[in-house]
All heavy atoms as atom14 arrays in JSON, in Angstrom:
{
  "sequence": "RWRFLSVLLAGAGAFGGMATAALAGVWIGMAEPAPLAAVTEAFL",
  "atom14_mask": [
    [1, 1, 1, 1, 1, 1, 1, 1, 1, 1, 1, 0, 0, 0],
    [1, 1, 1, 1, 1, 1, 1, 1, 1, 1, 1, 1, 1, 1],
    [1, 1, 1, 1, 1, 1, 1, 1, 1, 1, 1, 0, 0, 0],
    [1, 1, 1, 1, 1, 1, 1, 1, 1, 1, 1, 0, 0, 0],
    [1, 1, 1, 1, 1, 1, 1, 1, 0, 0, 0, 0, 0, 0],
    [1, 1, 1, 1, 1, 1, 0, 0, 0, 0, 0, 0, 0, 0],
    [1, 1, 1, 1, 1, 1, 1, 0, 0, 0, 0, 0, 0, 0],
    [1, 1, 1, 1, 1, 1, 1, 1, 0, 0, 0, 0, 0, 0],
    [1, 1, 1, 1, 1, 1, 1, 1, 0, 0, 0, 0, 0, 0],
    [1, 1, 1, 1, 1, 0, 0, 0, 0, 0, 0, 0, 0, 0],
    [1, 1, 1, 1, 0, 0, 0, 0, 0, 0, 0, 0, 0, 0],
    [1, 1, 1, 1, 1, 0, 0, 0, 0, 0, 0, 0, 0, 0],
    [1, 1, 1, 1, 0, 0, 0, 0, 0, 0, 0, 0, 0, 0],
    [1, 1, 1, 1, 1, 0, 0, 0, 0, 0, 0, 0, 0, 0],
    [1, 1, 1, 1, 1, 1, 1, 1, 1, 1, 1, 0, 0, 0],
    [1, 1, 1, 1, 0, 0, 0, 0, 0, 0, 0, 0, 0, 0],
    [1, 1, 1, 1, 0, 0, 0, 0, 0, 0, 0, 0, 0, 0],
    [1, 1, 1, 1, 1, 1, 1, 1, 0, 0, 0, 0, 0, 0],
    [1, 1, 1, 1, 1, 0, 0, 0, 0, 0, 0, 0, 0, 0],
    [1, 1, 1, 1, 1, 1, 1, 0, 0, 0, 0, 0, 0, 0],
    [1, 1, 1, 1, 1, 0, 0, 0, 0, 0, 0, 0, 0, 0],
    [1, 1, 1, 1, 1, 0, 0, 0, 0, 0, 0, 0, 0, 0],
    [1, 1, 1, 1, 1, 1, 1, 1, 0, 0, 0, 0, 0, 0],
    [1, 1, 1, 1, 1, 0, 0, 0, 0, 0, 0, 0, 0, 0],
    [1, 1, 1, 1, 0, 0, 0, 0, 0, 0, 0, 0, 0, 0],
    [1, 1, 1, 1, 1, 1, 1, 0, 0, 0, 0, 0, 0, 0],
    [1, 1, 1, 1, 1, 1, 1, 1, 1, 1, 1, 1, 1, 1],
    [1, 1, 1, 1, 1, 1, 1, 1, 0, 0, 0, 0, 0, 0],
    [1, 1, 1, 1, 0, 0, 0, 0, 0, 0, 0, 0, 0, 0],
    [1, 1, 1, 1, 1, 1, 1, 1, 0, 0, 0, 0, 0, 0],
    [1, 1, 1, 1, 1, 0, 0, 0, 0, 0, 0, 0, 0, 0],
    [1, 1, 1, 1, 1, 1, 1, 1, 1, 0, 0, 0, 0, 0],
    [1, 1, 1, 1, 1, 1, 1, 0, 0, 0, 0, 0, 0, 0],
    [1, 1, 1, 1, 1, 0, 0, 0, 0, 0, 0, 0, 0, 0],
    [1, 1, 1, 1, 1, 1, 1, 0, 0, 0, 0, 0, 0, 0],
    [1, 1, 1, 1, 1, 1, 1, 1, 0, 0, 0, 0, 0, 0],
    [1, 1, 1, 1, 1, 0, 0, 0, 0, 0, 0, 0, 0, 0],
    [1, 1, 1, 1, 1, 0, 0, 0, 0, 0, 0, 0, 0, 0],
    [1, 1, 1, 1, 1, 1, 1, 0, 0, 0, 0, 0, 0, 0],
    [1, 1, 1, 1, 1, 1, 1, 0, 0, 0, 0, 0, 0, 0],
    [1, 1, 1, 1, 1, 1, 1, 1, 1, 0, 0, 0, 0, 0],
    [1, 1, 1, 1, 1, 0, 0, 0, 0, 0, 0, 0, 0, 0],
    [1, 1, 1, 1, 1, 1, 1, 1, 1, 1, 1, 0, 0, 0],
    [1, 1, 1, 1, 1, 1, 1, 1, 0, 0, 0, 0, 0, 0]
  ],
  "atom14_positions": [
    [[-40.1, 11.2, -47.09], [-39.45, 10.17, -46.26], [-38.24, 9.59, -46.96], [-37.25, 9.25, -46.32], [-40.45, 9.07, -45.93], [-41.54, 9.56, -45.01], [-42.57, 8.47, -44.79], [-43.79, 9.05, -44.27], [-44.21, 8.87, -43.04], [-43.52, 8.14, -42.22], [-45.33, 9.42, -42.65], [0.0, 0.0, 0.0], [0.0, 0.0, 0.0], [0.0, 0.0, 0.0]],
    [[-38.32, 9.44, -48.27], [-37.17, 8.89, -49.01], [-35.99, 9.84, -48.95], [-34.85, 9.42, -48.84], [-37.55, 8.6, -50.46], [-38.5, 7.45, -50.56], [-39.8, 7.51, -50.93], [-38.22, 6.08, -50.26], [-40.36, 6.26, -50.88], [-39.41, 5.37, -50.48], [-37.1, 5.39, -49.85], [-39.49, 3.99, -50.28], [-37.19, 4.02, -49.65], [-38.37, 3.35, -49.87]],
    [[-36.27, 11.13, -49.05], [-35.2, 12.13, -48.96], [-34.56, 12.09, -47.57], [-33.34, 12.15, -47.43], [-35.76, 13.51, -49.26], [-34.8, 14.63, -49.11], [-33.82, 14.68, -50.26], [-32.97, 15.84, -50.06], [-31.72, 15.88, -50.41], [-31.17, 14.87, -51.03], [-31.01, 16.94, -50.19], [0.0, 0.0, 0.0], [0.0, 0.0, 0.0], [0.0, 0.0, 0.0]],
    [[-35.38, 11.99, -46.53], [-34.86, 11.91, -45.16], [-34.0, 10.66, -44.99], [-32.92, 10.71, -44.42], [-36.02, 11.9, -44.16], [-35.58, 11.65, -42.75], [-34.93, 12.65, -42.04], [-35.8, 10.43, -42.15], [-34.52, 12.43, -40.74], [-35.4, 10.2, -40.85], [-34.75, 11.2, -40.15], [0.0, 0.0, 0.0], [0.0, 0.0, 0.0], [0.0, 0.0, 0.0]],
    [[-34.48, 9.52, -45.51], [-33.71, 8.27, -45.4], [-32.41, 8.36, -46.17], [-31.37, 7.89, -45.72], [-34.57, 7.1, -45.9], [-34.01, 5.72, -45.66], [-33.83, 5.46, -44.17], [-34.93, 4.68, -46.26], [0.0, 0.0, 0.0], [0.0, 0.0, 0.0], [0.0, 0.0, 0.0], [0.0, 0.0, 0.0], [0.0, 0.0, 0.0], [0.0, 0.0, 0.0]],
    [[-32.45, 9.01, -47.33], [-31.25, 9.18, -48.13], [-30.22, 10.04, -47.41], [-29.03, 9.73, -47.41], [-31.61, 9.8, -49.49], [-30.46, 10.08, -50.22], [0.0, 0.0, 0.0], [0.0, 0.0, 0.0], [0.0, 0.0, 0.0], [0.0, 0.0, 0.0], [0.0, 0.0, 0.0], [0.0, 0.0, 0.0], [0.0, 0.0, 0.0], [0.0, 0.0, 0.0]],
    [[-30.66, 11.11, -46.79], [-29.75, 11.97, -46.04], [-29.23, 11.24, -44.81], [-28.06, 11.34, -44.46], [-30.46, 13.29, -45.65], [-29.64, 14.09, -44.66], [-30.73, 14.12, -46.9], [0.0, 0.0, 0.0], [0.0, 0.0, 0.0], [0.0, 0.0, 0.0], [0.0, 0.0, 0.0], [0.0, 0.0, 0.0], [0.0, 0.0, 0.0], [0.0, 0.0, 0.0]],
    [[-30.09, 10.48, -44.16], [-29.7, 9.73, -42.97], [-28.63, 8.7, -43.3], [-27.71, 8.49, -42.51], [-30.93, 9.04, -42.37], [-30.73, 8.3, -41.06], [-30.44, 9.3, -39.95], [-31.95, 7.49, -40.72], [0.0, 0.0, 0.0], [0.0, 0.0, 0.0], [0.0, 0.0, 0.0], [0.0, 0.0, 0.0], [0.0, 0.0, 0.0], [0.0, 0.0, 0.0]],
    [[-28.71, 8.08, -44.45], [-27.75, 7.05, -44.84], [-26.59, 7.62, -45.64], [-25.88, 6.88, -46.31], [-28.45, 5.97, -45.66], [-29.52, 5.19, -44.91], [-30.22, 4.23, -45.84], [-28.9, 4.44, -43.75], [0.0, 0.0, 0.0], [0.0, 0.0, 0.0], [0.0, 0.0, 0.0], [0.0, 0.0, 0.0], [0.0, 0.0, 0.0], [0.0, 0.0, 0.0]],
    [[-26.37, 8.9, -45.6], [-25.23, 9.58, -46.23], [-25.31, 9.59, -47.75], [-24.32, 9.46, -48.43], [-23.92, 8.97, -45.76], [0.0, 0.0, 0.0], [0.0, 0.0, 0.0], [0.0, 0.0, 0.0], [0.0, 0.0, 0.0], [0.0, 0.0, 0.0], [0.0, 0.0, 0.0], [0.0, 0.0, 0.0], [0.0, 0.0, 0.0], [0.0, 0.0, 0.0]],
    [[-26.48, 9.73, -48.29], [-26.6, 9.94, -49.72], [-27.23, 8.78, -50.45], [-27.44, 7.69, -49.91], [0.0, 0.0, 0.0], [0.0, 0.0, 0.0], [0.0, 0.0, 0.0], [0.0, 0.0, 0.0], [0.0, 0.0, 0.0], [0.0, 0.0, 0.0], [0.0, 0.0, 0.0], [0.0, 0.0, 0.0], [0.0, 0.0, 0.0], [0.0, 0.0, 0.0]],
    [[-27.5, 9.01, -51.72], [-28.17, 8.02, -52.54], [-27.29, 6.82, -52.82], [-27.77, 5.69, -52.95], [-28.62, 8.66, -53.85], [0.0, 0.0, 0.0], [0.0, 0.0, 0.0], [0.0, 0.0, 0.0], [0.0, 0.0, 0.0], [0.0, 0.0, 0.0], [0.0, 0.0, 0.0], [0.0, 0.0, 0.0], [0.0, 0.0, 0.0], [0.0, 0.0, 0.0]],
    [[-25.98, 7.02, -52.89], [-25.06, 5.91, -53.14], [-25.1, 4.89, -52.02], [-25.15, 3.68, -52.25], [0.0, 0.0, 0.0], [0.0, 0.0, 0.0], [0.0, 0.0, 0.0], [0.0, 0.0, 0.0], [0.0, 0.0, 0.0], [0.0, 0.0, 0.0], [0.0, 0.0, 0.0], [0.0, 0.0, 0.0], [0.0, 0.0, 0.0], [0.0, 0.0, 0.0]],
    [[-25.08, 5.36, -50.8], [-25.14, 4.45, -49.65], [-26.5, 3.77, -49.59], [-26.6, 2.59, -49.24], [-24.87, 5.21, -48.37], [0.0, 0.0, 0.0], [0.0, 0.0, 0.0], [0.0, 0.0, 0.0], [0.0, 0.0, 0.0], [0.0, 0.0, 0.0], [0.0, 0.0, 0.0], [0.0, 0.0, 0.0], [0.0, 0.0, 0.0], [0.0, 0.0, 0.0]],
    [[-27.55, 4.49, -49.92], [-28.89, 3.92, -49.92], [-28.99, 2.81, -50.97], [-29.53, 1.74, -50.69], [-29.91, 5.02, -50.2], [-31.34, 4.56, -50.12], [-31.87, 4.14, -48.92], [-32.13, 4.55, -51.25], [-33.19, 3.72, -48.84], [-33.44, 4.13, -51.18], [-33.96, 3.72, -49.97], [0.0, 0.0, 0.0], [0.0, 0.0, 0.0], [0.0, 0.0, 0.0]],
    [[-28.45, 3.05, -52.15], [-28.45, 2.02, -53.2], [-27.63, 0.81, -52.81], [-28.01, -0.34, -53.07], [0.0, 0.0, 0.0], [0.0, 0.0, 0.0], [0.0, 0.0, 0.0], [0.0, 0.0, 0.0], [0.0, 0.0, 0.0], [0.0, 0.0, 0.0], [0.0, 0.0, 0.0], [0.0, 0.0, 0.0], [0.0, 0.0, 0.0], [0.0, 0.0, 0.0]],
    [[-26.48, 1.05, -52.18], [-25.64, -0.05, -51.74], [-26.31, -0.9, -50.67], [-26.21, -2.14, -50.69], [0.0, 0.0, 0.0], [0.0, 0.0, 0.0], [0.0, 0.0, 0.0], [0.0, 0.0, 0.0], [0.0, 0.0, 0.0], [0.0, 0.0, 0.0], [0.0, 0.0, 0.0], [0.0, 0.0, 0.0], [0.0, 0.0, 0.0], [0.0, 0.0, 0.0]],
    [[-27.01, -0.24, -49.74], [-27.71, -0.98, -48.7], [-28.87, -1.8, -49.28], [-29.1, -2.93, -48.87], [-28.25, -0.02, -47.64], [-27.38, 0.07, -46.43], [-28.1, 1.2, -45.27], [-28.68, 0.05, -44.07], [0.0, 0.0, 0.0], [0.0, 0.0, 0.0], [0.0, 0.0, 0.0], [0.0, 0.0, 0.0], [0.0, 0.0, 0.0], [0.0, 0.0, 0.0]],
    [[-29.57, -1.22, -50.23], [-30.68, -1.94, -50.86], [-30.16, -3.15, -51.62], [-30.73, -4.24, -51.55], [-31.45, -1.0, -51.78], [0.0, 0.0, 0.0], [0.0, 0.0, 0.0], [0.0, 0.0, 0.0], [0.0, 0.0, 0.0], [0.0, 0.0, 0.0], [0.0, 0.0, 0.0], [0.0, 0.0, 0.0], [0.0, 0.0, 0.0], [0.0, 0.0, 0.0]],
    [[-29.04, -2.98, -52.34], [-28.45, -4.09, -53.08], [-27.97, -5.19, -52.14], [-28.19, -6.38, -52.39], [-27.28, -3.58, -53.93], [-27.75, -2.54, -54.79], [-26.68, -4.68, -54.77], [0.0, 0.0, 0.0], [0.0, 0.0, 0.0], [0.0, 0.0, 0.0], [0.0, 0.0, 0.0], [0.0, 0.0, 0.0], [0.0, 0.0, 0.0], [0.0, 0.0, 0.0]],
    [[-27.33, -4.81, -51.05], [-26.85, -5.8, -50.09], [-28.01, -6.55, -49.44], [-27.93, -7.76, -49.21], [-26.0, -5.12, -49.02], [0.0, 0.0, 0.0], [0.0, 0.0, 0.0], [0.0, 0.0, 0.0], [0.0, 0.0, 0.0], [0.0, 0.0, 0.0], [0.0, 0.0, 0.0], [0.0, 0.0, 0.0], [0.0, 0.0, 0.0], [0.0, 0.0, 0.0]],
    [[-29.1, -5.84, -49.16], [-30.27, -6.49, -48.56], [-30.88, -7.5, -49.53], [-31.22, -8.62, -49.14], [-31.3, -5.45, -48.16], [0.0, 0.0, 0.0], [0.0, 0.0, 0.0], [0.0, 0.0, 0.0], [0.0, 0.0, 0.0], [0.0, 0.0, 0.0], [0.0, 0.0, 0.0], [0.0, 0.0, 0.0], [0.0, 0.0, 0.0], [0.0, 0.0, 0.0]],
    [[-31.02, -7.11, -50.78], [-31.58, -8.03, -51.78], [-30.67, -9.22, -52.01], [-31.13, -10.36, -52.15], [-31.84, -7.3, -53.09], [-33.01, -6.32, -53.05], [-33.12, -5.57, -54.37], [-34.3, -7.05, -52.76], [0.0, 0.0, 0.0], [0.0, 0.0, 0.0], [0.0, 0.0, 0.0], [0.0, 0.0, 0.0], [0.0, 0.0, 0.0], [0.0, 0.0, 0.0]],
    [[-29.35, -8.99, -52.03], [-28.41, -10.1, -52.2], [-28.49, -11.04, -51.01], [-28.43, -12.28, -51.17], [-26.99, -9.56, -52.36], [0.0, 0.0, 0.0], [0.0, 0.0, 0.0], [0.0, 0.0, 0.0], [0.0, 0.0, 0.0], [0.0, 0.0, 0.0], [0.0, 0.0, 0.0], [0.0, 0.0, 0.0], [0.0, 0.0, 0.0], [0.0, 0.0, 0.0]],
    [[-28.64, -10.52, -49.8], [-28.76, -11.36, -48.62], [-30.0, -12.22, -48.66], [-29.97, -13.4, -48.3], [0.0, 0.0, 0.0], [0.0, 0.0, 0.0], [0.0, 0.0, 0.0], [0.0, 0.0, 0.0], [0.0, 0.0, 0.0], [0.0, 0.0, 0.0], [0.0, 0.0, 0.0], [0.0, 0.0, 0.0], [0.0, 0.0, 0.0], [0.0, 0.0, 0.0]],
    [[-31.11, -11.63, -49.08], [-32.34, -12.4, -49.19], [-32.2, -13.48, -50.24], [-32.59, -14.64, -50.04], [-33.54, -11.47, -49.5], [-34.77, -12.26, -49.9], [-33.83, -10.58, -48.32], [0.0, 0.0, 0.0], [0.0, 0.0, 0.0], [0.0, 0.0, 0.0], [0.0, 0.0, 0.0], [0.0, 0.0, 0.0], [0.0, 0.0, 0.0], [0.0, 0.0, 0.0]],
    [[-31.6, -13.14, -51.38], [-31.43, -14.12, -52.47], [-30.52, -15.26, -52.04], [-30.84, -16.44, -52.24], [-30.88, -13.41, -53.7], [-30.62, -14.35, -54.84], [-31.52, -15.15, -55.47], [-29.36, -14.59, -55.46], [-30.9, -15.87, -56.47], [-29.58, -15.54, -56.48], [-28.08, -14.09, -55.27], [-28.55, -16.01, -57.28], [-27.07, -14.54, -56.09], [-27.3, -15.49, -57.08]],
    [[-29.39, -14.95, -51.43], [-28.45, -16.0, -50.99], [-29.1, -16.84, -49.9], [-28.93, -18.06, -49.85], [-27.12, -15.37, -50.52], [-26.37, -14.79, -51.71], [-26.26, -16.39, -49.79], [-25.17, -13.96, -51.33], [0.0, 0.0, 0.0], [0.0, 0.0, 0.0], [0.0, 0.0, 0.0], [0.0, 0.0, 0.0], [0.0, 0.0, 0.0], [0.0, 0.0, 0.0]],
    [[-29.85, -16.2, -49.02], [-30.51, -16.96, -47.96], [-31.58, -17.9, -48.47], [-31.76, -18.99, -47.94], [0.0, 0.0, 0.0], [0.0, 0.0, 0.0], [0.0, 0.0, 0.0], [0.0, 0.0, 0.0], [0.0, 0.0, 0.0], [0.0, 0.0, 0.0], [0.0, 0.0, 0.0], [0.0, 0.0, 0.0], [0.0, 0.0, 0.0], [0.0, 0.0, 0.0]],
    [[-32.28, -17.51, -49.5], [-33.33, -18.37, -50.04], [-32.78, -19.42, -50.99], [-33.24, -20.56, -50.99], [-34.38, -17.52, -50.77], [-35.15, -16.57, -49.85], [-36.05, -17.39, -48.57], [-37.43, -18.01, -49.49], [0.0, 0.0, 0.0], [0.0, 0.0, 0.0], [0.0, 0.0, 0.0], [0.0, 0.0, 0.0], [0.0, 0.0, 0.0], [0.0, 0.0, 0.0]],
    [[-31.79, -19.07, -51.81], [-31.27, -20.0, -52.82], [-30.27, -20.99, -52.21], [-30.25, -22.16, -52.59], [-30.6, -19.22, -53.94], [0.0, 0.0, 0.0], [0.0, 0.0, 0.0], [0.0, 0.0, 0.0], [0.0, 0.0, 0.0], [0.0, 0.0, 0.0], [0.0, 0.0, 0.0], [0.0, 0.0, 0.0], [0.0, 0.0, 0.0], [0.0, 0.0, 0.0]],
    [[-29.47, -20.56, -51.28], [-28.4, -21.31, -50.64], [-27.6, -22.13, -51.66], [-27.87, -23.3, -51.91], [-28.95, -22.24, -49.55], [-27.84, -22.8, -48.71], [-28.33, -23.63, -47.55], [-29.5, -23.98, -47.49], [-27.5, -23.92, -46.69], [0.0, 0.0, 0.0], [0.0, 0.0, 0.0], [0.0, 0.0, 0.0], [0.0, 0.0, 0.0], [0.0, 0.0, 0.0]],
    [[-26.61, -21.48, -52.27], [-25.77, -22.17, -53.25], [-25.09, -23.41, -52.65], [-24.86, -23.49, -51.45], [-24.74, -21.12, -53.64], [-25.28, -19.83, -53.16], [-26.2, -20.13, -52.05], [0.0, 0.0, 0.0], [0.0, 0.0, 0.0], [0.0, 0.0, 0.0], [0.0, 0.0, 0.0], [0.0, 0.0, 0.0], [0.0, 0.0, 0.0], [0.0, 0.0, 0.0]],
    [[-24.76, -24.37, -53.51], [-24.17, -25.64, -53.06], [-22.87, -25.44, -52.27], [-22.71, -26.07, -51.22], [-23.95, -26.55, -54.26], [0.0, 0.0, 0.0], [0.0, 0.0, 0.0], [0.0, 0.0, 0.0], [0.0, 0.0, 0.0], [0.0, 0.0, 0.0], [0.0, 0.0, 0.0], [0.0, 0.0, 0.0], [0.0, 0.0, 0.0], [0.0, 0.0, 0.0]],
    [[-21.92, -24.62, -52.73], [-20.7, -24.45, -51.91], [-21.0, -23.88, -50.53], [-20.36, -24.26, -49.55], [-19.85, -23.47, -52.72], [-20.35, -23.58, -54.1], [-21.8, -23.91, -53.99], [0.0, 0.0, 0.0], [0.0, 0.0, 0.0], [0.0, 0.0, 0.0], [0.0, 0.0, 0.0], [0.0, 0.0, 0.0], [0.0, 0.0, 0.0], [0.0, 0.0, 0.0]],
    [[-21.97, -23.03, -50.44], [-22.34, -22.45, -49.15], [-23.01, -23.5, -48.26], [-22.8, -23.52, -47.05], [-23.25, -21.25, -49.35], [-23.6, -20.46, -48.09], [-22.34, -19.89, -47.47], [-24.56, -19.35, -48.42], [0.0, 0.0, 0.0], [0.0, 0.0, 0.0], [0.0, 0.0, 0.0], [0.0, 0.0, 0.0], [0.0, 0.0, 0.0], [0.0, 0.0, 0.0]],
    [[-23.75, -24.41, -48.86], [-24.39, -25.48, -48.09], [-23.34, -26.4, -47.49], [-23.47, -26.85, -46.35], [-25.34, -26.26, -48.98], [0.0, 0.0, 0.0], [0.0, 0.0, 0.0], [0.0, 0.0, 0.0], [0.0, 0.0, 0.0], [0.0, 0.0, 0.0], [0.0, 0.0, 0.0], [0.0, 0.0, 0.0], [0.0, 0.0, 0.0], [0.0, 0.0, 0.0]],
    [[-22.26, -26.65, -48.22], [-21.18, -27.5, -47.7], [-20.49, -26.83, -46.51], [-20.18, -27.48, -45.51], [-20.17, -27.79, -48.8], [0.0, 0.0, 0.0], [0.0, 0.0, 0.0], [0.0, 0.0, 0.0], [0.0, 0.0, 0.0], [0.0, 0.0, 0.0], [0.0, 0.0, 0.0], [0.0, 0.0, 0.0], [0.0, 0.0, 0.0], [0.0, 0.0, 0.0]],
    [[-20.27, -25.54, -46.6], [-19.64, -24.81, -45.5], [-20.57, -24.79, -44.29], [-20.14, -25.0, -43.15], [-19.28, -23.37, -45.94], [-18.83, -22.53, -44.77], [-18.23, -23.39, -47.02], [0.0, 0.0, 0.0], [0.0, 0.0, 0.0], [0.0, 0.0, 0.0], [0.0, 0.0, 0.0], [0.0, 0.0, 0.0], [0.0, 0.0, 0.0], [0.0, 0.0, 0.0]],
    [[-21.84, -24.61, -44.52], [-22.81, -24.59, -43.43], [-22.86, -25.95, -42.74], [-22.91, -26.03, -41.51], [-24.2, -24.22, -43.96], [-24.13, -22.99, -44.64], [-25.22, -24.12, -42.85], [0.0, 0.0, 0.0], [0.0, 0.0, 0.0], [0.0, 0.0, 0.0], [0.0, 0.0, 0.0], [0.0, 0.0, 0.0], [0.0, 0.0, 0.0], [0.0, 0.0, 0.0]],
    [[-22.82, -27.05, -43.52], [-22.83, -28.39, -42.93], [-21.58, -28.65, -42.11], [-21.63, -29.33, -41.09], [-22.95, -29.44, -44.03], [-24.35, -29.93, -44.21], [-24.41, -31.03, -45.25], [-23.6, -31.98, -45.18], [-25.26, -30.92, -46.12], [0.0, 0.0, 0.0], [0.0, 0.0, 0.0], [0.0, 0.0, 0.0], [0.0, 0.0, 0.0], [0.0, 0.0, 0.0]],
    [[-20.44, -28.09, -42.53], [-19.19, -28.29, -41.79], [-19.26, -27.6, -40.43], [-18.77, -28.15, -39.43], [-18.02, -27.76, -42.6], [0.0, 0.0, 0.0], [0.0, 0.0, 0.0], [0.0, 0.0, 0.0], [0.0, 0.0, 0.0], [0.0, 0.0, 0.0], [0.0, 0.0, 0.0], [0.0, 0.0, 0.0], [0.0, 0.0, 0.0], [0.0, 0.0, 0.0]],
    [[-19.84, -26.45, -40.37], [-19.89, -25.71, -39.11], [-21.09, -26.1, -38.26], [-21.03, -26.09, -37.03], [-19.92, -24.2, -39.37], [-18.59, -23.65, -39.8], [-18.39, -23.19, -41.08], [-17.53, -23.61, -38.9], [-17.17, -22.69, -41.47], [-16.3, -23.11, -39.29], [-16.11, -22.64, -40.57], [0.0, 0.0, 0.0], [0.0, 0.0, 0.0], [0.0, 0.0, 0.0]],
    [[-22.21, -26.42, -38.89], [-23.43, -26.76, -38.17], [-23.95, -28.11, -38.66], [-24.79, -28.18, -39.55], [-24.5, -25.69, -38.39], [-24.16, -24.28, -37.95], [-25.19, -23.31, -38.46], [-24.07, -24.2, -36.44], [0.0, 0.0, 0.0], [0.0, 0.0, 0.0], [0.0, 0.0, 0.0], [0.0, 0.0, 0.0], [0.0, 0.0, 0.0], [0.0, 0.0, 0.0]]
  ]
}
């Protein structure tokens, strides 16, 4: 299944990039840095 997913996502590089972006999104969403909180308050 990992090989199929790797081929589907155009190789191991794209798979690694997607995994990194997903983990960064989860981290930023849970930690919510102070500058990001200020921007969020301005819009919402």
